[in-house]
Amino acid sequence: MASPRRGSRRRGRGALYRYKTKAGDRWRWQLYVPVDPEQPNGDLRRTSGGGFKTMDDADDALRDAVKRLRNQETFATTGAPTVQAFANEWLAGLRLEASTIQGYDKIVRNHIVPQLGTLRIDRLTSTRIARHYRELEESGRRDGANAGKPLSANSVNKVHIVLGSILDAAVDDNLIAQNPARKRRTVKAPTGKQIRAQRPEIVAWSAEELHSFLTWDRDVFDDDLFTLWRVIAYTGMRRSEALALRWSDVDVKHGRLSIRRAADVTTRNVAKVTKTGSARVVDIDSVTLDALKSWKATRGSITLGFARADAYVFGNLDGAIRSPNEVGRRWTYRVAAAQKALPELKRITLKGLRHTHATLLLELGEHPKVVQERLGHSTITTTMNIYSHVTPTMQRNAIDRLAAHIEGA
């Protein structure tokens, strides 16, 4: 066996060897490591890896093995980082939208650190993770009056996703050999079936309820945000998308809106990309278009700058993006006021206007693909999973049309 480079038998020193096979020359690395990682100066054992076609490939593998060895020795003397310390490092290194990072940070603070934060990351087992998930399912909520109540399957699944990502990073950093959260037989994270079973029922308005509210809001409440509510109801766009609309996004000639950005809920007066990261164009009806024209004239009467192409359509009196949370609170107040005048009106959230748009279109027999494109869902599966409650109505309409078609043949 030829050996262009040979190492000593000392701990942490490796060597490369070339050897012959029927397929040609191959390379092997060899390294002496402690028998017991907790006693790095104790007895040694030999470890190796072979089958590399080039010396460079074998050398890269050797360097990686040396790095792992040094990490193990460091843990033996100083200890691996705790789950909390590593989770904070992981959060600090993320390059995502601020709102996404804020959501991950909340999960770490509320549902990972309090229970698992003091554990060394190399001591976290799949059995301990499984017990943690069961505890969250029994009493994991931490929000005010609901603290101590069960955490939903969907929320536990989000914890699982974040914890799994943290531990994936720990594997990449050679802190642990395997990700214990990925051992599904033991961990048993919530399944899609469990999540769907607990999904809250979507509350949307009927066409009559929507018409009654908008009429009351415009004619009785004399709401300065009437046009905003109408645009959301008649396009199905997200609250943050509507608040980030600029006048340049309004195509008066063709009756269309271009949805290119969204308001950032974490930073005031900052726009970001849409939730799916892509722009879309939605058609609007002539009445909604007229409402936008009238609103532009109103904004322009305050100052001409508010009607310029780069101005926000629904900006505040400073011309900045309105706070999404503040707009949500104003919607809640309007619905409560409307219910006093319209006792039969159901209470819905602002997101309920988006649900109303989709539900009414599907009930009218519109193709789900059209609804998906208007809502900006990444896939049609997402649309159908969310609005599965409309399926019976769609089936009834379809079978009635089929029967009429056959009988009339």
Protein backbone atom coordinates (compact mmCIF):
# COMPACT_ATOMS: atom_id res chain seq x y z
CA MET A 1 0.00 0.00 0.00
CA ALA A 2 1.60 3.24 -1.13
CA SER A 3 1.46 6.17 1.22
CA PRO A 4 2.37 9.65 -0.03
CA ARG A 5 1.40 11.09 3.36
CA ARG A 6 1.52 9.19 6.62
CA GLY A 7 0.48 10.51 10.03
CA SER A 8 1.59 9.67 13.53
CA ARG A 9 -0.37 7.74 16.13
CA ARG A 10 -0.97 10.88 18.16
CA ARG A 11 -4.50 11.99 19.02
CA GLY A 12 -6.10 14.22 16.41
CA ARG A 13 -3.41 13.63 13.76
CA GLY A 14 -4.66 11.99 10.59
CA ALA A 15 -3.17 10.35 7.54
CA LEU A 16 -4.13 9.64 3.93
CA TYR A 17 -3.44 6.35 2.15
CA ARG A 18 -3.77 5.24 -1.44
CA TYR A 19 -4.78 1.67 -2.20
CA LYS A 20 -5.69 -0.36 -5.28
CA THR A 21 -9.06 -1.85 -6.17
CA LYS A 22 -10.46 -3.53 -9.28
CA ALA A 23 -12.01 -0.17 -10.19
CA GLY A 24 -8.66 1.61 -9.87
CA ASP A 25 -6.80 3.56 -7.20
CA ARG A 26 -8.77 4.78 -4.22
CA TRP A 27 -7.95 6.89 -1.15
CA ARG A 28 -8.61 6.38 2.55
CA TRP A 29 -8.24 8.65 5.55
CA GLN A 30 -7.31 7.45 9.01
CA LEU A 31 -7.53 9.19 12.38
CA TYR A 32 -6.90 8.26 16.00
CA VAL A 33 -9.59 9.46 18.39
CA PRO A 34 -10.26 8.97 22.12
CA VAL A 35 -12.05 5.78 23.07
CA ASP A 36 -14.08 7.85 25.54
CA PRO A 37 -14.93 11.39 24.28
CA GLU A 38 -15.30 12.46 27.92
CA GLN A 39 -11.60 11.60 28.46
CA PRO A 40 -9.78 13.13 25.46
CA ASN A 41 -6.33 12.27 26.90
CA GLY A 42 -7.16 8.62 27.50
CA ASP A 43 -6.78 5.55 25.28
CA LEU A 44 -7.09 5.95 21.52
CA ARG A 45 -8.87 4.02 18.82
CA ARG A 46 -8.54 4.20 15.07
CA THR A 47 -11.34 5.44 12.81
CA SER A 48 -11.21 5.77 9.05
CA GLY A 49 -13.12 6.25 5.83
CA GLY A 50 -12.34 5.06 2.33
CA GLY A 51 -13.49 4.77 -1.25
CA PHE A 52 -12.49 8.30 -2.31
CA LYS A 53 -11.43 8.68 -5.94
CA THR A 54 -9.01 11.55 -5.29
CA MET A 55 -6.64 12.51 -2.51
CA ASP A 56 -8.39 15.90 -2.23
CA ASP A 57 -11.73 14.24 -1.55
CA ALA A 58 -10.17 12.08 1.15
CA ASP A 59 -8.41 15.12 2.62
CA ASP A 60 -11.71 17.05 2.82
CA ALA A 61 -13.30 14.12 4.67
CA LEU A 62 -10.33 13.95 7.05
CA ARG A 63 -10.56 17.65 7.86
CA ASP A 64 -14.26 17.24 8.61
CA ALA A 65 -13.49 14.33 10.94
CA VAL A 66 -10.83 16.38 12.74
CA LYS A 67 -13.32 19.22 13.16
CA ARG A 68 -15.88 16.85 14.70
CA LEU A 69 -13.23 15.48 17.04
CA ARG A 70 -12.28 18.94 18.25
CA ASN A 71 -15.92 19.83 18.80
CA GLN A 72 -16.40 16.70 20.90
CA GLU A 73 -13.33 17.53 23.00
CA THR A 74 -14.62 21.05 23.55
CA PHE A 75 -17.95 19.71 24.80
CA ALA A 76 -16.19 17.30 27.12
CA THR A 77 -14.40 20.17 28.90
CA THR A 78 -16.72 23.17 28.58
CA GLY A 79 -20.02 21.49 27.71
CA ALA A 80 -22.18 21.87 24.62
CA PRO A 81 -24.38 24.99 24.50
CA THR A 82 -27.79 24.88 26.09
CA VAL A 83 -30.90 24.76 23.95
CA GLN A 84 -31.61 28.38 24.88
CA ALA A 85 -28.10 29.62 23.97
CA PHE A 86 -28.06 27.82 20.64
CA ALA A 87 -31.65 28.82 19.80
CA ASN A 88 -30.71 32.48 20.31
CA GLU A 89 -27.69 32.04 18.02
CA TRP A 90 -29.93 30.39 15.44
CA LEU A 91 -32.44 33.25 15.57
CA ALA A 92 -29.66 35.83 15.22
CA GLY A 93 -28.43 34.17 12.04
CA LEU A 94 -31.76 33.94 10.21
CA ARG A 95 -32.22 35.90 7.01
CA LEU A 96 -36.00 36.05 6.68
CA GLU A 97 -38.76 38.63 6.80
CA ALA A 98 -38.84 40.46 10.13
CA SER A 99 -42.38 39.25 10.82
CA THR A 100 -41.32 35.62 10.29
CA ILE A 101 -38.35 35.97 12.65
CA GLN A 102 -40.60 37.66 15.20
CA GLY A 103 -42.96 34.67 15.03
CA TYR A 104 -40.10 32.20 15.50
CA ASP A 105 -38.74 34.23 18.41
CA LYS A 106 -42.15 34.14 20.10
CA ILE A 107 -42.31 30.35 19.75
CA VAL A 108 -38.80 29.99 21.18
CA ARG A 109 -39.55 32.29 24.13
CA ASN A 110 -42.94 30.81 24.97
CA HIS A 111 -42.79 27.14 24.07
CA ILE A 112 -39.16 25.99 23.88
CA VAL A 113 -36.97 27.93 26.31
CA PRO A 114 -39.18 27.72 29.46
CA GLN A 115 -39.29 23.92 29.29
CA LEU A 116 -36.12 22.86 27.43
CA GLY A 117 -33.86 25.92 27.53
CA THR A 118 -31.51 24.79 30.32
CA LEU A 119 -30.77 21.38 28.74
CA ARG A 120 -27.50 20.91 26.89
CA ILE A 121 -28.37 20.54 23.25
CA ASP A 122 -26.47 17.24 22.99
CA ARG A 123 -28.54 15.85 25.90
CA LEU A 124 -31.93 16.58 24.31
CA THR A 125 -33.52 13.25 23.33
CA SER A 126 -36.46 12.34 21.16
CA THR A 127 -38.19 10.93 24.25
CA ARG A 128 -37.87 14.28 26.05
CA ILE A 129 -39.19 16.10 22.97
CA ALA A 130 -42.18 13.73 22.81
CA ARG A 131 -42.99 14.44 26.47
CA HIS A 132 -42.65 18.16 25.80
CA TYR A 133 -45.19 18.01 22.97
CA ARG A 134 -47.64 16.06 25.13
CA GLU A 135 -47.28 18.67 27.88
CA LEU A 136 -47.96 21.46 25.38
CA GLU A 137 -51.06 19.62 24.17
CA GLU A 138 -52.32 19.39 27.75
CA SER A 139 -51.45 22.82 29.17
CA GLY A 140 -49.19 24.74 26.80
CA ARG A 141 -51.03 28.02 26.31
CA ARG A 142 -49.35 31.08 27.82
CA ASP A 143 -51.60 33.93 26.66
CA GLY A 144 -53.20 35.79 29.53
CA ALA A 145 -56.48 34.36 30.73
CA ASN A 146 -55.96 31.21 28.63
CA ALA A 147 -52.61 30.34 30.24
CA GLY A 148 -52.42 26.68 31.20
CA LYS A 149 -55.04 25.54 28.72
CA PRO A 150 -54.25 23.07 25.90
CA LEU A 151 -52.21 24.27 22.94
CA SER A 152 -53.77 23.43 19.58
CA ALA A 153 -52.31 20.76 17.31
CA ASN A 154 -51.46 23.46 14.77
CA SER A 155 -49.52 25.45 17.37
CA VAL A 156 -47.67 22.38 18.63
CA ASN A 157 -46.76 21.59 15.03
CA LYS A 158 -45.28 25.09 14.66
CA VAL A 159 -43.17 24.43 17.75
CA HIS A 160 -42.07 21.16 16.15
CA ILE A 161 -41.06 22.93 12.93
CA VAL A 162 -39.00 25.56 14.77
CA LEU A 163 -37.35 23.10 17.16
CA GLY A 164 -36.58 20.76 14.27
CA SER A 165 -34.92 23.59 12.35
CA ILE A 166 -32.84 24.59 15.39
CA LEU A 167 -31.65 21.00 15.81
CA ASP A 168 -30.94 20.70 12.07
CA ALA A 169 -28.57 23.65 12.49
CA ALA A 170 -26.98 21.92 15.48
CA VAL A 171 -26.32 18.87 13.28
CA ASP A 172 -24.76 21.12 10.63
CA ASP A 173 -22.51 22.65 13.31
CA ASN A 174 -21.47 19.16 14.45
CA LEU A 175 -22.94 19.75 17.89
CA ILE A 176 -25.06 16.61 17.61
CA ALA A 177 -24.84 13.62 15.31
CA GLN A 178 -28.58 13.27 14.64
CA ASN A 179 -31.67 15.42 15.00
CA PRO A 180 -33.83 13.86 17.75
CA ALA A 181 -36.89 15.81 16.57
CA ARG A 182 -36.81 13.87 13.27
CA LYS A 183 -37.36 10.49 14.95
CA ARG A 184 -41.04 10.32 14.13
CA ARG A 185 -41.84 6.99 15.78
CA THR A 186 -40.86 8.40 19.15
CA VAL A 187 -41.63 12.12 18.86
CA LYS A 188 -45.10 11.81 17.32
CA ALA A 189 -45.65 15.43 16.33
CA PRO A 190 -49.25 16.38 15.43
CA THR A 191 -50.39 14.98 12.11
CA GLY A 192 -52.11 16.86 9.31
CA LYS A 193 -55.32 15.02 10.15
CA GLN A 194 -55.18 16.21 13.76
CA ILE A 195 -54.47 19.78 12.67
CA ARG A 196 -57.38 19.80 10.21
CA ALA A 197 -59.73 18.34 12.80
CA GLN A 198 -59.01 21.21 15.20
CA ARG A 199 -59.05 23.96 12.60
CA PRO A 200 -61.54 26.64 13.68
CA GLU A 201 -64.60 27.07 11.54
CA ILE A 202 -64.32 29.89 9.02
CA VAL A 203 -66.87 32.64 9.65
CA ALA A 204 -67.89 34.63 6.58
CA TRP A 205 -70.78 36.87 5.64
CA SER A 206 -73.47 36.08 3.15
CA ALA A 207 -73.88 38.39 0.17
CA GLU A 208 -76.80 40.04 1.98
CA GLU A 209 -74.79 40.63 5.15
CA LEU A 210 -71.87 42.10 3.24
CA HIS A 211 -74.16 44.42 1.29
CA SER A 212 -75.96 45.51 4.46
CA PHE A 213 -72.72 46.28 6.29
CA LEU A 214 -71.12 48.24 3.44
CA THR A 215 -74.30 50.25 2.90
CA TRP A 216 -74.56 51.08 6.63
CA ASP A 217 -70.83 51.87 6.85
CA ARG A 218 -71.01 54.31 3.94
CA ASP A 219 -74.41 55.94 4.47
CA VAL A 220 -74.92 55.82 8.25
CA PHE A 221 -71.47 55.58 9.85
CA ASP A 222 -70.00 57.83 7.14
CA ASP A 223 -66.75 55.90 7.42
CA ASP A 224 -63.56 57.38 6.02
CA LEU A 225 -62.28 53.81 5.63
CA PHE A 226 -65.29 52.59 3.64
CA THR A 227 -63.25 52.27 0.43
CA LEU A 228 -60.64 50.15 2.20
CA TRP A 229 -63.27 47.70 3.44
CA ARG A 230 -64.87 47.52 0.01
CA VAL A 231 -61.57 46.90 -1.76
CA ILE A 232 -60.71 44.03 0.59
CA ALA A 233 -64.20 42.53 0.28
CA TYR A 234 -64.28 42.76 -3.51
CA THR A 235 -60.71 41.58 -4.17
CA GLY A 236 -59.97 39.16 -1.34
CA MET A 237 -56.56 40.72 -0.77
CA ARG A 238 -54.85 40.54 2.60
CA ARG A 239 -55.06 43.49 5.00
CA SER A 240 -51.33 44.15 4.72
CA GLU A 241 -51.51 44.06 0.91
CA ALA A 242 -54.32 46.62 0.78
CA LEU A 243 -52.45 48.97 3.12
CA ALA A 244 -49.34 48.84 0.91
CA LEU A 245 -51.18 49.68 -2.34
CA ARG A 246 -49.86 52.71 -4.21
CA TRP A 247 -51.84 54.71 -6.75
CA SER A 248 -49.45 53.41 -9.43
CA ASP A 249 -50.88 49.94 -8.68
CA VAL A 250 -54.38 51.06 -9.72
CA ASP A 251 -54.98 50.51 -13.45
CA VAL A 252 -58.03 52.67 -14.11
CA LYS A 253 -58.09 51.94 -17.85
CA HIS A 254 -58.35 48.16 -17.47
CA GLY A 255 -59.97 48.02 -14.02
CA ARG A 256 -57.18 46.13 -12.29
CA LEU A 257 -55.07 46.25 -9.15
CA SER A 258 -51.45 45.10 -9.03
CA ILE A 259 -50.59 43.56 -5.67
CA ARG A 260 -46.82 43.87 -5.36
CA ARG A 261 -46.07 44.40 -1.67
CA ALA A 262 -47.45 44.21 1.87
CA ALA A 263 -47.22 46.30 5.03
CA ASP A 264 -44.74 44.97 7.58
CA VAL A 265 -46.52 44.40 10.90
CA THR A 266 -43.23 44.55 12.84
CA THR A 267 -41.92 47.92 11.61
CA ARG A 268 -43.96 51.06 11.04
CA ASN A 269 -44.16 52.48 7.52
CA VAL A 270 -42.17 49.65 5.96
CA ALA A 271 -43.36 47.59 2.99
CA LYS A 272 -42.14 44.09 2.21
CA VAL A 273 -42.83 41.45 -0.43
CA THR A 274 -46.17 39.63 -0.39
CA LYS A 275 -46.60 36.51 1.72
CA THR A 276 -45.80 34.21 -1.21
CA GLY A 277 -43.03 36.49 -2.47
CA SER A 278 -44.71 37.08 -5.83
CA ALA A 279 -46.87 39.81 -7.33
CA ARG A 280 -50.33 39.26 -8.82
CA VAL A 281 -52.99 41.23 -10.69
CA VAL A 282 -56.70 41.14 -9.79
CA ASP A 283 -59.64 42.57 -11.71
CA ILE A 284 -62.06 44.89 -9.91
CA ASP A 285 -65.65 45.79 -10.67
CA SER A 286 -66.67 49.23 -11.94
CA VAL A 287 -68.35 50.31 -8.68
CA THR A 288 -65.21 49.55 -6.68
CA LEU A 289 -63.14 51.38 -9.29
CA ASP A 290 -65.44 54.42 -8.96
CA ALA A 291 -65.04 54.27 -5.17
CA LEU A 292 -61.25 54.35 -5.61
CA LYS A 293 -61.48 57.33 -7.97
CA SER A 294 -63.61 59.20 -5.43
CA TRP A 295 -61.19 58.29 -2.65
CA LYS A 296 -58.24 59.56 -4.70
CA ALA A 297 -60.01 62.89 -5.14
CA THR A 298 -60.60 63.06 -1.37
CA ARG A 299 -56.95 62.32 -0.64
CA GLY A 300 -55.84 64.85 -3.24
CA SER A 301 -57.97 67.54 -1.63
CA ILE A 302 -55.91 67.16 1.55
CA THR A 303 -52.63 67.55 -0.32
CA LEU A 304 -51.68 66.82 -3.92
CA GLY A 305 -48.88 64.57 -2.71
CA PHE A 306 -51.43 62.05 -1.44
CA ALA A 307 -52.71 61.53 -5.01
CA ARG A 308 -49.32 61.06 -6.68
CA ALA A 309 -48.40 57.73 -8.25
CA ASP A 310 -46.03 56.70 -5.45
CA ALA A 311 -48.41 57.66 -2.62
CA TYR A 312 -50.13 54.96 -0.58
CA VAL A 313 -53.80 54.59 -1.48
CA PHE A 314 -54.87 54.12 2.14
CA GLY A 315 -52.05 56.04 3.81
CA ASN A 316 -52.55 57.97 7.05
CA LEU A 317 -52.56 61.77 7.39
CA ASP A 318 -48.75 61.75 7.21
CA GLY A 319 -48.82 59.79 3.96
CA ALA A 320 -47.28 56.76 5.67
CA ILE A 321 -48.54 53.18 5.72
CA ARG A 322 -51.29 52.73 8.28
CA SER A 323 -50.55 50.33 11.12
CA PRO A 324 -52.13 46.94 10.28
CA ASN A 325 -52.95 46.35 13.93
CA GLU A 326 -54.58 49.77 14.27
CA VAL A 327 -56.69 49.10 11.16
CA GLY A 328 -57.70 45.75 12.64
CA ARG A 329 -58.90 47.46 15.82
CA ARG A 330 -60.88 50.01 13.81
CA TRP A 331 -62.57 47.18 11.89
CA THR A 332 -63.57 45.47 15.14
CA TYR A 333 -65.11 48.73 16.41
CA ARG A 334 -67.11 49.21 13.18
CA VAL A 335 -68.52 45.68 13.22
CA ALA A 336 -69.59 46.09 16.86
CA ALA A 337 -71.31 49.38 15.99
CA ALA A 338 -72.98 47.85 12.93
CA GLN A 339 -74.40 44.97 14.99
CA LYS A 340 -76.41 47.47 17.05
CA ALA A 341 -78.08 48.71 13.87
CA LEU A 342 -78.12 45.30 12.15
CA PRO A 343 -78.84 42.71 14.89
CA GLU A 344 -78.64 39.74 12.48
CA LEU A 345 -75.11 40.63 11.39
CA LYS A 346 -72.52 38.06 12.45
CA ARG A 347 -69.25 39.18 14.01
CA ILE A 348 -66.32 38.52 11.69
CA THR A 349 -62.68 39.54 11.73
CA LEU A 350 -61.10 41.68 9.05
CA LYS A 351 -59.65 38.47 7.62
CA GLY A 352 -63.27 37.33 7.46
CA LEU A 353 -63.79 39.80 4.59
CA ARG A 354 -61.17 37.85 2.62
CA HIS A 355 -62.94 34.61 3.54
CA THR A 356 -66.25 36.15 2.46
CA HIS A 357 -64.82 37.03 -0.96
CA ALA A 358 -63.57 33.47 -1.54
CA THR A 359 -66.66 31.76 -0.17
CA LEU A 360 -69.09 33.78 -2.29
CA LEU A 361 -67.08 33.14 -5.47
CA LEU A 362 -66.97 29.38 -4.82
CA GLU A 363 -70.69 29.29 -3.99
CA LEU A 364 -71.36 30.98 -7.32
CA GLY A 365 -69.54 28.11 -9.03
CA GLU A 366 -66.37 30.03 -9.90
CA HIS A 367 -63.41 27.78 -10.67
CA PRO A 368 -61.17 27.32 -7.60
CA LYS A 369 -58.14 28.23 -9.73
CA VAL A 370 -59.56 31.73 -10.18
CA VAL A 371 -60.12 32.03 -6.43
CA GLN A 372 -56.57 30.84 -5.77
CA GLU A 373 -55.12 33.48 -8.10
CA ARG A 374 -57.19 36.28 -6.58
CA LEU A 375 -56.26 35.31 -3.00
CA GLY A 376 -52.59 34.83 -3.85
CA HIS A 377 -52.33 31.28 -2.49
CA SER A 378 -49.20 29.44 -3.59
CA THR A 379 -51.17 26.33 -4.62
CA ILE A 380 -54.77 25.43 -5.34
CA THR A 381 -54.51 22.77 -2.62
CA THR A 382 -54.20 25.54 -0.04
CA THR A 383 -57.37 27.16 -1.34
CA MET A 384 -59.41 23.96 -1.31
CA ASN A 385 -58.16 22.93 2.15
CA ILE A 386 -59.18 26.27 3.64
CA TYR A 387 -62.55 26.46 1.90
CA SER A 388 -63.56 22.79 2.05
CA HIS A 389 -66.75 23.93 3.84
CA VAL A 390 -68.01 25.29 0.50
CA THR A 391 -67.66 21.92 -1.26
CA PRO A 392 -71.22 20.69 -0.47
CA THR A 393 -72.69 23.83 -2.06
CA MET A 394 -70.44 23.40 -5.09
CA GLN A 395 -71.57 19.79 -5.45
CA ARG A 396 -75.24 20.73 -5.19
CA ASN A 397 -74.90 23.42 -7.86
CA ALA A 398 -72.93 21.06 -10.09
CA ILE A 399 -75.43 18.18 -9.85
CA ASP A 400 -78.37 20.52 -10.45
CA ARG A 401 -76.71 21.87 -13.59
CA LEU A 402 -75.88 18.32 -14.71
CA ALA A 403 -79.46 17.14 -14.23
CA ALA A 404 -80.83 20.14 -16.13
CA HIS A 405 -78.37 19.53 -18.94
CA ILE A 406 -79.30 15.83 -19.25
CA GLU A 407 -83.05 16.44 -19.02
CA GLY A 408 -82.84 19.14 -21.65
CA ALA A 409 -80.89 17.02 -24.12
